[in-house]
Amino acid sequence: MTNTIYVMDELMNTATYLSGEEMDTYYYLTAFIDEQGQRRPFSLKIKGPFATPENRDFYCRIESLELLGKDFNVHGDSKTQSKEQAFKFVEICLRDKKIYDAKGNTLTLDLQD
């Protein structure tokens, strides 16, 4: 059985929080990843988009120690572009990875807005 998770769908966990005068959303997934034949906990959180301190561009923060080893910012010229680039970056990073839910069902991440 394969489940598709859409970031903007109810299947993907979302949370909204107030940042200044704007509402920002972050997307998160808690699952398992197959690494070298072993199933390990996996978490992914995409926060933003946020304006840079100079207000020249925007960025989204990707948090997934299992995927990147550290937190990572993806920049864009607009809020929309920074979010699209973050989703595309995660899709590329997960292209050859197997992600599972708690029941062992394979999850296919289709990160689209």
PDB file of N, CA and C in Angstrom:
ATOM      1  N   MET A   1       0.850  -1.187   0.000  1.00  0.00           N
ATOM      2  CA  MET A   1       0.000   0.000   0.000  1.00  0.00           C
ATOM      3  C   MET A   1       0.890   1.243   0.000  1.00  0.00           C
ATOM      4  N   THR A   2       0.600   2.207  -0.864  1.00  0.00           N
ATOM      5  CA  THR A   2       1.355   3.444  -0.950  1.00  0.00           C
ATOM      6  C   THR A   2       0.434   4.619  -0.660  1.00  0.00           C
ATOM      7  N   ASN A   3       0.871   5.524   0.202  1.00  0.00           N
ATOM      8  CA  ASN A   3       0.121   6.743   0.501  1.00  0.00           C
ATOM      9  C   ASN A   3       0.865   7.919  -0.079  1.00  0.00           C
ATOM     10  N   THR A   4       0.141   8.846  -0.683  1.00  0.00           N
ATOM     11  CA  THR A   4       0.748  10.082  -1.172  1.00  0.00           C
ATOM     12  C   THR A   4       0.448  11.175  -0.172  1.00  0.00           C
ATOM     13  N   ILE A   5       1.455  11.936   0.217  1.00  0.00           N
ATOM     14  CA  ILE A   5       1.271  13.011   1.179  1.00  0.00           C
ATOM     15  C   ILE A   5       1.465  14.329   0.461  1.00  0.00           C
ATOM     16  N   TYR A   6       0.446  15.166   0.468  1.00  0.00           N
ATOM     17  CA  TYR A   6       0.505  16.489  -0.111  1.00  0.00           C
ATOM     18  C   TYR A   6       0.722  17.490   1.008  1.00  0.00           C
ATOM     19  N   VAL A   7       1.664  18.373   0.834  1.00  0.00           N
ATOM     20  CA  VAL A   7       1.985  19.332   1.881  1.00  0.00           C
ATOM     21  C   VAL A   7       0.771  20.177   2.252  1.00  0.00           C
ATOM     22  N   MET A   8      -0.032  20.578   1.283  1.00  0.00           N
ATOM     23  CA  MET A   8      -1.163  21.448   1.568  1.00  0.00           C
ATOM     24  C   MET A   8      -2.432  20.655   1.886  1.00  0.00           C
ATOM     25  N   ASP A   9      -2.336  19.348   2.000  1.00  0.00           N
ATOM     26  CA  ASP A   9      -3.476  18.490   2.248  1.00  0.00           C
ATOM     27  C   ASP A   9      -3.553  18.129   3.719  1.00  0.00           C
ATOM     28  N   GLU A  10      -4.708  17.613   4.151  1.00  0.00           N
ATOM     29  CA  GLU A  10      -4.834  17.224   5.548  1.00  0.00           C
ATOM     30  C   GLU A  10      -3.921  16.057   5.904  1.00  0.00           C
ATOM     31  N   LEU A  11      -3.442  15.299   4.915  1.00  0.00           N
ATOM     32  CA  LEU A  11      -2.585  14.159   5.207  1.00  0.00           C
ATOM     33  C   LEU A  11      -1.236  14.582   5.771  1.00  0.00           C
ATOM     34  N   MET A  12      -0.789  15.763   5.420  1.00  0.00           N
ATOM     35  CA  MET A  12       0.470  16.283   5.953  1.00  0.00           C
ATOM     36  C   MET A  12       0.126  17.148   7.151  1.00  0.00           C
ATOM     37  N   ASN A  13       0.816  16.971   8.236  1.00  0.00           N
ATOM     38  CA  ASN A  13       0.550  17.778   9.422  1.00  0.00           C
ATOM     39  C   ASN A  13       0.978  19.215   9.178  1.00  0.00           C
ATOM     40  N   THR A  14       0.108  20.152   9.471  1.00  0.00           N
ATOM     41  CA  THR A  14       0.460  21.559   9.319  1.00  0.00           C
ATOM     42  C   THR A  14       0.154  22.300  10.602  1.00  0.00           C
ATOM     43  N   ALA A  15       0.878  23.341  10.826  1.00  0.00           N
ATOM     44  CA  ALA A  15       0.630  24.210  11.974  1.00  0.00           C
ATOM     45  C   ALA A  15       0.812  25.641  11.513  1.00  0.00           C
ATOM     46  N   THR A  16       0.008  26.517  12.018  1.00  0.00           N
ATOM     47  CA  THR A  16       0.087  27.923  11.655  1.00  0.00           C
ATOM     48  C   THR A  16       0.407  28.723  12.903  1.00  0.00           C
ATOM     49  N   TYR A  17       1.280  29.698  12.765  1.00  0.00           N
ATOM     50  CA  TYR A  17       1.633  30.519  13.912  1.00  0.00           C
ATOM     51  C   TYR A  17       1.757  31.971  13.461  1.00  0.00           C
ATOM     52  N   LEU A  18       1.613  32.870  14.391  1.00  0.00           N
ATOM     53  CA  LEU A  18       1.657  34.291  14.086  1.00  0.00           C
ATOM     54  C   LEU A  18       3.091  34.788  14.179  1.00  0.00           C
ATOM     55  N   SER A  19       3.540  35.466  13.139  1.00  0.00           N
ATOM     56  CA  SER A  19       4.887  36.022  13.103  1.00  0.00           C
ATOM     57  C   SER A  19       4.760  37.483  12.695  1.00  0.00           C
ATOM     58  N   GLY A  20       4.873  38.389  13.659  1.00  0.00           N
ATOM     59  CA  GLY A  20       4.661  39.796  13.346  1.00  0.00           C
ATOM     60  C   GLY A  20       3.213  40.004  12.958  1.00  0.00           C
ATOM     61  N   GLU A  21       2.975  40.561  11.773  1.00  0.00           N
ATOM     62  CA  GLU A  21       1.620  40.785  11.307  1.00  0.00           C
ATOM     63  C   GLU A  21       1.148  39.700  10.352  1.00  0.00           C
ATOM     64  N   GLU A  22       2.007  38.755  10.028  1.00  0.00           N
ATOM     65  CA  GLU A  22       1.663  37.746   9.042  1.00  0.00           C
ATOM     66  C   GLU A  22       1.485  36.384   9.696  1.00  0.00           C
ATOM     67  N   MET A  23       0.677  35.567   9.064  1.00  0.00           N
ATOM     68  CA  MET A  23       0.546  34.185   9.481  1.00  0.00           C
ATOM     69  C   MET A  23       1.521  33.362   8.647  1.00  0.00           C
ATOM     70  N   ASP A  24       2.345  32.582   9.290  1.00  0.00           N
ATOM     71  CA  ASP A  24       3.269  31.691   8.606  1.00  0.00           C
ATOM     72  C   ASP A  24       2.879  30.259   8.938  1.00  0.00           C
ATOM     73  N   THR A  25       3.198  29.362   8.046  1.00  0.00           N
ATOM     74  CA  THR A  25       2.863  27.960   8.232  1.00  0.00           C
ATOM     75  C   THR A  25       4.133  27.141   8.184  1.00  0.00           C
ATOM     76  N   TYR A  26       4.147  26.075   8.952  1.00  0.00           N
ATOM     77  CA  TYR A  26       5.211  25.116   8.761  1.00  0.00           C
ATOM     78  C   TYR A  26       4.603  23.749   8.555  1.00  0.00           C
ATOM     79  N   TYR A  27       5.310  22.927   7.821  1.00  0.00           N
ATOM     80  CA  TYR A  27       4.857  21.599   7.438  1.00  0.00           C
ATOM     81  C   TYR A  27       5.785  20.591   8.086  1.00  0.00           C
ATOM     82  N   TYR A  28       5.209  19.537   8.626  1.00  0.00           N
ATOM     83  CA  TYR A  28       6.063  18.562   9.267  1.00  0.00           C
ATOM     84  C   TYR A  28       5.553  17.149   9.050  1.00  0.00           C
ATOM     85  N   LEU A  29       6.478  16.230   9.074  1.00  0.00           N
ATOM     86  CA  LEU A  29       6.192  14.819   8.877  1.00  0.00           C
ATOM     87  C   LEU A  29       7.046  14.035   9.855  1.00  0.00           C
ATOM     88  N   THR A  30       6.427  13.104  10.547  1.00  0.00           N
ATOM     89  CA  THR A  30       7.146  12.181  11.405  1.00  0.00           C
ATOM     90  C   THR A  30       6.870  10.789  10.860  1.00  0.00           C
ATOM     91  N   ALA A  31       7.915  10.072  10.497  1.00  0.00           N
ATOM     92  CA  ALA A  31       7.756   8.766   9.865  1.00  0.00           C
ATOM     93  C   ALA A  31       9.012   7.932  10.149  1.00  0.00           C
ATOM     94  N   PHE A  32       9.297   7.005   9.241  1.00  0.00           N
ATOM     95  CA  PHE A  32      10.493   6.173   9.321  1.00  0.00           C
ATOM     96  C   PHE A  32      11.175   6.185   7.964  1.00  0.00           C
ATOM     97  N   ILE A  33      12.510   6.014   7.972  1.00  0.00           N
ATOM     98  CA  ILE A  33      13.279   5.979   6.734  1.00  0.00           C
ATOM     99  C   ILE A  33      14.094   4.692   6.707  1.00  0.00           C
ATOM    100  N   ASP A  34      14.208   4.096   5.537  1.00  0.00           N
ATOM    101  CA  ASP A  34      15.014   2.893   5.362  1.00  0.00           C
ATOM    102  C   ASP A  34      16.429   3.318   5.006  1.00  0.00           C
ATOM    103  N   GLU A  35      17.369   3.052   5.909  1.00  0.00           N
ATOM    104  CA  GLU A  35      18.782   3.376   5.677  1.00  0.00           C
ATOM    105  C   GLU A  35      19.610   2.109   5.837  1.00  0.00           C
ATOM    106  N   GLN A  36      20.224   1.706   4.749  1.00  0.00           N
ATOM    107  CA  GLN A  36      21.078   0.526   4.734  1.00  0.00           C
ATOM    108  C   GLN A  36      20.352  -0.688   5.301  1.00  0.00           C
ATOM    109  N   GLY A  37      19.088  -0.842   4.892  1.00  0.00           N
ATOM    110  CA  GLY A  37      18.307  -1.997   5.303  1.00  0.00           C
ATOM    111  C   GLY A  37      17.703  -1.910   6.694  1.00  0.00           C
ATOM    112  N   GLN A  38      17.920  -0.817   7.396  1.00  0.00           N
ATOM    113  CA  GLN A  38      17.353  -0.643   8.736  1.00  0.00           C
ATOM    114  C   GLN A  38      16.345   0.496   8.732  1.00  0.00           C
ATOM    115  N   ARG A  39      15.253   0.268   9.445  1.00  0.00           N
ATOM    116  CA  ARG A  39      14.212   1.286   9.571  1.00  0.00           C
ATOM    117  C   ARG A  39      14.518   2.168  10.767  1.00  0.00           C
ATOM    118  N   ARG A  40      14.644   3.485  10.516  1.00  0.00           N
ATOM    119  CA  ARG A  40      14.983   4.447  11.568  1.00  0.00           C
ATOM    120  C   ARG A  40      13.950   5.572  11.593  1.00  0.00           C
ATOM    121  N   PRO A  41      13.763   6.205  12.752  1.00  0.00           N
ATOM    122  CA  PRO A  41      12.846   7.352  12.814  1.00  0.00           C
ATOM    123  C   PRO A  41      13.307   8.457  11.856  1.00  0.00           C
ATOM    124  N   PHE A  42      12.337   9.145  11.282  1.00  0.00           N
ATOM    125  CA  PHE A  42      12.608  10.222  10.328  1.00  0.00           C
ATOM    126  C   PHE A  42      11.651  11.373  10.615  1.00  0.00           C
ATOM    127  N   SER A  43      12.180  12.576  10.627  1.00  0.00           N
ATOM    128  CA  SER A  43      11.313  13.748  10.780  1.00  0.00           C
ATOM    129  C   SER A  43      11.737  14.810   9.775  1.00  0.00           C
ATOM    130  N   LEU A  44      10.761  15.555   9.315  1.00  0.00           N
ATOM    131  CA  LEU A  44      10.988  16.616   8.347  1.00  0.00           C
ATOM    132  C   LEU A  44      10.100  17.779   8.734  1.00  0.00           C
ATOM    133  N   LYS A  45      10.678  18.962   8.781  1.00  0.00           N
ATOM    134  CA  LYS A  45       9.905  20.171   9.058  1.00  0.00           C
ATOM    135  C   LYS A  45      10.373  21.242   8.085  1.00  0.00           C
ATOM    136  N   ILE A  46       9.416  21.891   7.424  1.00  0.00           N
ATOM    137  CA  ILE A  46       9.711  23.016   6.541  1.00  0.00           C
ATOM    138  C   ILE A  46       8.996  24.224   7.138  1.00  0.00           C
ATOM    139  N   LYS A  47       9.769  25.228   7.527  1.00  0.00           N
ATOM    140  CA  LYS A  47       9.211  26.435   8.140  1.00  0.00           C
ATOM    141  C   LYS A  47       9.352  27.616   7.189  1.00  0.00           C
ATOM    142  N   GLY A  48       8.389  28.521   7.264  1.00  0.00           N
ATOM    143  CA  GLY A  48       8.497  29.754   6.493  1.00  0.00           C
ATOM    144  C   GLY A  48       7.408  29.867   5.466  1.00  0.00           C
ATOM    145  N   PRO A  49       7.598  30.744   4.529  1.00  0.00           N
ATOM    146  CA  PRO A  49       8.787  31.538   4.237  1.00  0.00           C
ATOM    147  C   PRO A  49       8.927  32.754   5.156  1.00  0.00           C
ATOM    148  N   PHE A  50      10.179  33.142   5.353  1.00  0.00           N
ATOM    149  CA  PHE A  50      10.537  34.293   6.175  1.00  0.00           C
ATOM    150  C   PHE A  50      11.318  35.287   5.327  1.00  0.00           C
ATOM    151  N   ALA A  51      11.192  36.572   5.647  1.00  0.00           N
ATOM    152  CA  ALA A  51      12.006  37.602   4.990  1.00  0.00           C
ATOM    153  C   ALA A  51      13.391  37.589   5.628  1.00  0.00           C
ATOM    154  N   THR A  52      14.416  37.823   4.826  1.00  0.00           N
ATOM    155  CA  THR A  52      15.763  37.947   5.376  1.00  0.00           C
ATOM    156  C   THR A  52      15.838  39.250   6.167  1.00  0.00           C
ATOM    157  N   PRO A  53      16.814  39.387   7.078  1.00  0.00           N
ATOM    158  CA  PRO A  53      16.910  40.624   7.861  1.00  0.00           C
ATOM    159  C   PRO A  53      16.993  41.891   7.007  1.00  0.00           C
ATOM    160  N   GLU A  54      17.594  41.791   5.836  1.00  0.00           N
ATOM    161  CA  GLU A  54      17.715  42.957   4.954  1.00  0.00           C
ATOM    162  C   GLU A  54      16.480  43.148   4.087  1.00  0.00           C
ATOM    163  N   ASN A  55      15.508  42.212   4.181  1.00  0.00           N
ATOM    164  CA  ASN A  55      14.285  42.238   3.371  1.00  0.00           C
ATOM    165  C   ASN A  55      14.561  42.220   1.869  1.00  0.00           C
ATOM    166  N   ARG A  56      15.681  41.613   1.462  1.00  0.00           N
ATOM    167  CA  ARG A  56      15.998  41.534   0.031  1.00  0.00           C
ATOM    168  C   ARG A  56      15.409  40.285  -0.610  1.00  0.00           C
ATOM    169  N   ASP A  57      15.280  39.225   0.174  1.00  0.00           N
ATOM    170  CA  ASP A  57      14.712  37.995  -0.352  1.00  0.00           C
ATOM    171  C   ASP A  57      14.037  37.222   0.785  1.00  0.00           C
ATOM    172  N   PHE A  58      13.624  36.003   0.488  1.00  0.00           N
ATOM    173  CA  PHE A  58      12.915  35.172   1.457  1.00  0.00           C
ATOM    174  C   PHE A  58      13.607  33.822   1.549  1.00  0.00           C
ATOM    175  N   TYR A  59      13.326  33.108   2.629  1.00  0.00           N
ATOM    176  CA  TYR A  59      13.881  31.774   2.775  1.00  0.00           C
ATOM    177  C   TYR A  59      12.914  30.886   3.547  1.00  0.00           C
ATOM    178  N   CYS A  60      13.062  29.582   3.318  1.00  0.00           N
ATOM    179  CA  CYS A  60      12.378  28.571   4.108  1.00  0.00           C
ATOM    180  C   CYS A  60      13.445  27.763   4.832  1.00  0.00           C
ATOM    181  N   ARG A  61      13.143  27.374   6.033  1.00  0.00           N
ATOM    182  CA  ARG A  61      14.069  26.600   6.875  1.00  0.00           C
ATOM    183  C   ARG A  61      13.655  25.139   6.810  1.00  0.00           C
ATOM    184  N   ILE A  62      14.576  24.283   6.400  1.00  0.00           N
ATOM    185  CA  ILE A  62      14.327  22.844   6.357  1.00  0.00           C
ATOM    186  C   ILE A  62      15.050  22.229   7.549  1.00  0.00           C
ATOM    187  N   GLU A  63      14.284  21.524   8.375  1.00  0.00           N
ATOM    188  CA  GLU A  63      14.854  20.856   9.534  1.00  0.00           C
ATOM    189  C   GLU A  63      14.628  19.361   9.397  1.00  0.00           C
ATOM    190  N   SER A  64      15.711  18.628   9.224  1.00  0.00           N
ATOM    191  CA  SER A  64      15.663  17.175   9.144  1.00  0.00           C
ATOM    192  C   SER A  64      17.079  16.655   9.334  1.00  0.00           C
ATOM    193  N   LEU A  65      17.428  16.385  10.561  1.00  0.00           N
ATOM    194  CA  LEU A  65      18.780  15.886  10.838  1.00  0.00           C
ATOM    195  C   LEU A  65      19.047  14.579  10.108  1.00  0.00           C
ATOM    196  N   GLU A  66      18.012  13.747   9.960  1.00  0.00           N
ATOM    197  CA  GLU A  66      18.177  12.461   9.279  1.00  0.00           C
ATOM    198  C   GLU A  66      18.456  12.651   7.789  1.00  0.00           C
ATOM    199  N   LEU A  67      17.955  13.714   7.222  1.00  0.00           N
ATOM    200  CA  LEU A  67      18.108  13.946   5.789  1.00  0.00           C
ATOM    201  C   LEU A  67      19.358  14.755   5.460  1.00  0.00           C
ATOM    202  N   LEU A  68      19.597  15.825   6.214  1.00  0.00           N
ATOM    203  CA  LEU A  68      20.665  16.759   5.876  1.00  0.00           C
ATOM    204  C   LEU A  68      21.808  16.789   6.881  1.00  0.00           C
ATOM    205  N   GLY A  69      21.581  16.285   8.081  1.00  0.00           N
ATOM    206  CA  GLY A  69      22.608  16.344   9.109  1.00  0.00           C
ATOM    207  C   GLY A  69      22.629  17.661   9.861  1.00  0.00           C
ATOM    208  N   LYS A  70      21.880  18.648   9.364  1.00  0.00           N
ATOM    209  CA  LYS A  70      21.794  19.960  10.009  1.00  0.00           C
ATOM    210  C   LYS A  70      20.598  20.706   9.425  1.00  0.00           C
ATOM    211  N   ASP A  71      20.217  21.812  10.063  1.00  0.00           N
ATOM    212  CA  ASP A  71      19.166  22.664   9.522  1.00  0.00           C
ATOM    213  C   ASP A  71      19.714  23.381   8.284  1.00  0.00           C
ATOM    214  N   PHE A  72      18.828  23.708   7.353  1.00  0.00           N
ATOM    215  CA  PHE A  72      19.255  24.222   6.066  1.00  0.00           C
ATOM    216  C   PHE A  72      18.255  25.267   5.588  1.00  0.00           C
ATOM    217  N   ASN A  73      18.728  26.400   5.075  1.00  0.00           N
ATOM    218  CA  ASN A  73      17.859  27.443   4.522  1.00  0.00           C
ATOM    219  C   ASN A  73      17.891  27.393   3.001  1.00  0.00           C
ATOM    220  N   VAL A  74      16.718  27.557   2.390  1.00  0.00           N
ATOM    221  CA  VAL A  74      16.594  27.628   0.938  1.00  0.00           C
ATOM    222  C   VAL A  74      16.004  28.998   0.612  1.00  0.00           C
ATOM    223  N   HIS A  75      16.718  29.772  -0.204  1.00  0.00           N
ATOM    224  CA  HIS A  75      16.331  31.157  -0.505  1.00  0.00           C
ATOM    225  C   HIS A  75      15.627  31.276  -1.848  1.00  0.00           C
ATOM    226  N   GLY A  76      14.818  32.330  -1.960  1.00  0.00           N
ATOM    227  CA  GLY A  76      14.133  32.669  -3.205  1.00  0.00           C
ATOM    228  C   GLY A  76      13.856  34.155  -3.251  1.00  0.00           C
ATOM    229  N   ASP A  77      13.528  34.650  -4.429  1.00  0.00           N
ATOM    230  CA  ASP A  77      13.242  36.074  -4.604  1.00  0.00           C
ATOM    231  C   ASP A  77      11.897  36.486  -4.009  1.00  0.00           C
ATOM    232  N   SER A  78      11.001  35.511  -3.826  1.00  0.00           N
ATOM    233  CA  SER A  78       9.673  35.788  -3.277  1.00  0.00           C
ATOM    234  C   SER A  78       9.307  34.682  -2.291  1.00  0.00           C
ATOM    235  N   LYS A  79       8.223  34.886  -1.550  1.00  0.00           N
ATOM    236  CA  LYS A  79       7.752  33.848  -0.631  1.00  0.00           C
ATOM    237  C   LYS A  79       7.422  32.571  -1.400  1.00  0.00           C
ATOM    238  N   THR A  80       6.731  32.742  -2.511  1.00  0.00           N
ATOM    239  CA  THR A  80       6.330  31.589  -3.313  1.00  0.00           C
ATOM    240  C   THR A  80       7.545  30.836  -3.836  1.00  0.00           C
ATOM    241  N   GLN A  81       8.525  31.561  -4.361  1.00  0.00           N
ATOM    242  CA  GLN A  81       9.707  30.908  -4.914  1.00  0.00           C
ATOM    243  C   GLN A  81      10.508  30.199  -3.831  1.00  0.00           C
ATOM    244  N   SER A  82      10.646  30.802  -2.663  1.00  0.00           N
ATOM    245  CA  SER A  82      11.423  30.148  -1.606  1.00  0.00           C
ATOM    246  C   SER A  82      10.736  28.860  -1.153  1.00  0.00           C
ATOM    247  N   LYS A  83       9.406  28.860  -1.070  1.00  0.00           N
ATOM    248  CA  LYS A  83       8.680  27.650  -0.686  1.00  0.00           C
ATOM    249  C   LYS A  83       8.799  26.578  -1.771  1.00  0.00           C
ATOM    250  N   GLU A  84       8.626  26.976  -3.032  1.00  0.00           N
ATOM    251  CA  GLU A  84       8.758  26.022  -4.135  1.00  0.00           C
ATOM    252  C   GLU A  84      10.148  25.405  -4.165  1.00  0.00           C
ATOM    253  N   GLN A  85      11.180  26.235  -3.963  1.00  0.00           N
ATOM    254  CA  GLN A  85      12.562  25.734  -3.974  1.00  0.00           C
ATOM    255  C   GLN A  85      12.808  24.780  -2.801  1.00  0.00           C
ATOM    256  N   ALA A  86      12.249  25.089  -1.638  1.00  0.00           N
ATOM    257  CA  ALA A  86      12.415  24.207  -0.472  1.00  0.00           C
ATOM    258  C   ALA A  86      11.770  22.855  -0.736  1.00  0.00           C
ATOM    259  N   PHE A  87      10.542  22.863  -1.281  1.00  0.00           N
ATOM    260  CA  PHE A  87       9.857  21.606  -1.573  1.00  0.00           C
ATOM    261  C   PHE A  87      10.625  20.799  -2.624  1.00  0.00           C
ATOM    262  N   LYS A  88      11.122  21.485  -3.654  1.00  0.00           N
ATOM    263  CA  LYS A  88      11.873  20.808  -4.709  1.00  0.00           C
ATOM    264  C   LYS A  88      13.165  20.205  -4.139  1.00  0.00           C
ATOM    265  N   PHE A  89      13.847  20.946  -3.270  1.00  0.00           N
ATOM    266  CA  PHE A  89      15.081  20.456  -2.653  1.00  0.00           C
ATOM    267  C   PHE A  89      14.816  19.183  -1.852  1.00  0.00           C
ATOM    268  N   VAL A  90      13.736  19.170  -1.074  1.00  0.00           N
ATOM    269  CA  VAL A  90      13.396  17.983  -0.274  1.00  0.00           C
ATOM    270  C   VAL A  90      13.057  16.814  -1.190  1.00  0.00           C
ATOM    271  N   GLU A  91      12.292  17.064  -2.255  1.00  0.00           N
ATOM    272  CA  GLU A  91      11.965  15.993  -3.198  1.00  0.00           C
ATOM    273  C   GLU A  91      13.224  15.374  -3.790  1.00  0.00           C
ATOM    274  N   ILE A  92      14.183  16.205  -4.163  1.00  0.00           N
ATOM    275  CA  ILE A  92      15.437  15.697  -4.735  1.00  0.00           C
ATOM    276  C   ILE A  92      16.206  14.876  -3.695  1.00  0.00           C
ATOM    277  N   CYS A  93      16.278  15.373  -2.465  1.00  0.00           N
ATOM    278  CA  CYS A  93      16.991  14.660  -1.403  1.00  0.00           C
ATOM    279  C   CYS A  93      16.357  13.305  -1.098  1.00  0.00           C
ATOM    280  N   LEU A  94      15.033  13.203  -1.254  1.00  0.00           N
ATOM    281  CA  LEU A  94      14.319  11.971  -0.920  1.00  0.00           C
ATOM    282  C   LEU A  94      14.071  11.065  -2.122  1.00  0.00           C
ATOM    283  N   ARG A  95      14.543  11.463  -3.279  1.00  0.00           N
ATOM    284  CA  ARG A  95      14.243  10.746  -4.509  1.00  0.00           C
ATOM    285  C   ARG A  95      14.505   9.239  -4.405  1.00  0.00           C
ATOM    286  N   ASP A  96      15.619   8.839  -3.861  1.00  0.00           N
ATOM    287  CA  ASP A  96      15.971   7.423  -3.793  1.00  0.00           C
ATOM    288  C   ASP A  96      15.817   6.839  -2.389  1.00  0.00           C
ATOM    289  N   LYS A  97      15.083   7.515  -1.529  1.00  0.00           N
ATOM    290  CA  LYS A  97      14.899   7.059  -0.150  1.00  0.00           C
ATOM    291  C   LYS A  97      13.520   6.430   0.001  1.00  0.00           C
ATOM    292  N   LYS A  98      13.416   5.499   0.924  1.00  0.00           N
ATOM    293  CA  LYS A  98      12.133   4.880   1.246  1.00  0.00           C
ATOM    294  C   LYS A  98      11.664   5.415   2.586  1.00  0.00           C
ATOM    295  N   ILE A  99      10.465   6.027   2.584  1.00  0.00           N
ATOM    296  CA  ILE A  99       9.869   6.592   3.784  1.00  0.00           C
ATOM    297  C   ILE A  99       8.624   5.764   4.116  1.00  0.00           C
ATOM    298  N   TYR A 100       8.463   5.405   5.401  1.00  0.00           N
ATOM    299  CA  TYR A 100       7.357   4.565   5.842  1.00  0.00           C
ATOM    300  C   TYR A 100       6.572   5.230   6.966  1.00  0.00           C
ATOM    301  N   ASP A 101       5.280   4.888   7.055  1.00  0.00           N
ATOM    302  CA  ASP A 101       4.506   5.320   8.205  1.00  0.00           C
ATOM    303  C   ASP A 101       4.677   4.286   9.323  1.00  0.00           C
ATOM    304  N   ALA A 102       4.022   4.492  10.449  1.00  0.00           N
ATOM    305  CA  ALA A 102       4.178   3.608  11.615  1.00  0.00           C
ATOM    306  C   ALA A 102       3.712   2.185  11.328  1.00  0.00           C
ATOM    307  N   LYS A 103       2.821   2.016  10.349  1.00  0.00           N
ATOM    308  CA  LYS A 103       2.308   0.684  10.008  1.00  0.00           C
ATOM    309  C   LYS A 103       3.160  -0.016   8.962  1.00  0.00           C
ATOM    310  N   GLY A 104       4.203   0.663   8.476  1.00  0.00           N
ATOM    311  CA  GLY A 104       5.074   0.071   7.467  1.00  0.00           C
ATOM    312  C   GLY A 104       4.668   0.363   6.037  1.00  0.00           C
ATOM    313  N   ASN A 105       3.636   1.196   5.845  1.00  0.00           N
ATOM    314  CA  ASN A 105       3.210   1.560   4.496  1.00  0.00           C
ATOM    315  C   ASN A 105       4.167   2.594   3.911  1.00  0.00           C
ATOM    316  N   THR A 106       4.531   2.408   2.651  1.00  0.00           N
ATOM    317  CA  THR A 106       5.420   3.342   1.969  1.00  0.00           C
ATOM    318  C   THR A 106       4.713   4.668   1.749  1.00  0.00           C
ATOM    319  N   LEU A 107       5.420   5.764   2.036  1.00  0.00           N
ATOM    320  CA  LEU A 107       4.893   7.108   1.815  1.00  0.00           C
ATOM    321  C   LEU A 107       5.610   7.725   0.632  1.00  0.00           C
ATOM    322  N   THR A 108       4.845   8.283  -0.287  1.00  0.00           N
ATOM    323  CA  THR A 108       5.400   9.012  -1.415  1.00  0.00           C
ATOM    324  C   THR A 108       5.135  10.470  -1.178  1.00  0.00           C
ATOM    325  N   LEU A 109       6.189  11.273  -1.025  1.00  0.00           N
ATOM    326  CA  LEU A 109       6.017  12.695  -0.779  1.00  0.00           C
ATOM    327  C   LEU A 109       5.849  13.413  -2.096  1.00  0.00           C
ATOM    328  N   ASP A 110       4.711  14.021  -2.279  1.00  0.00           N
ATOM    329  CA  ASP A 110       4.438  14.831  -3.454  1.00  0.00           C
ATOM    330  C   ASP A 110       4.254  16.247  -2.931  1.00  0.00           C
ATOM    331  N   LEU A 111       5.335  16.976  -2.815  1.00  0.00           N
ATOM    332  CA  LEU A 111       5.334  18.291  -2.205  1.00  0.00           C
ATOM    333  C   LEU A 111       4.927  19.328  -3.226  1.00  0.00           C
ATOM    334  N   GLN A 112       3.673  19.689  -3.192  1.00  0.00           N
ATOM    335  CA  GLN A 112       3.195  20.718  -4.112  1.00  0.00           C
ATOM    336  C   GLN A 112       2.295  21.670  -3.370  1.00  0.00           C
ATOM    337  N   ASP A 113       2.248  22.878  -3.848  1.00  0.00           N
ATOM    338  CA  ASP A 113       1.487  23.937  -3.209  1.00  0.00           C
ATOM    339  C   ASP A 113       0.100  24.027  -3.794  1.00  0.00           C
TER     340      ASP A 113
END
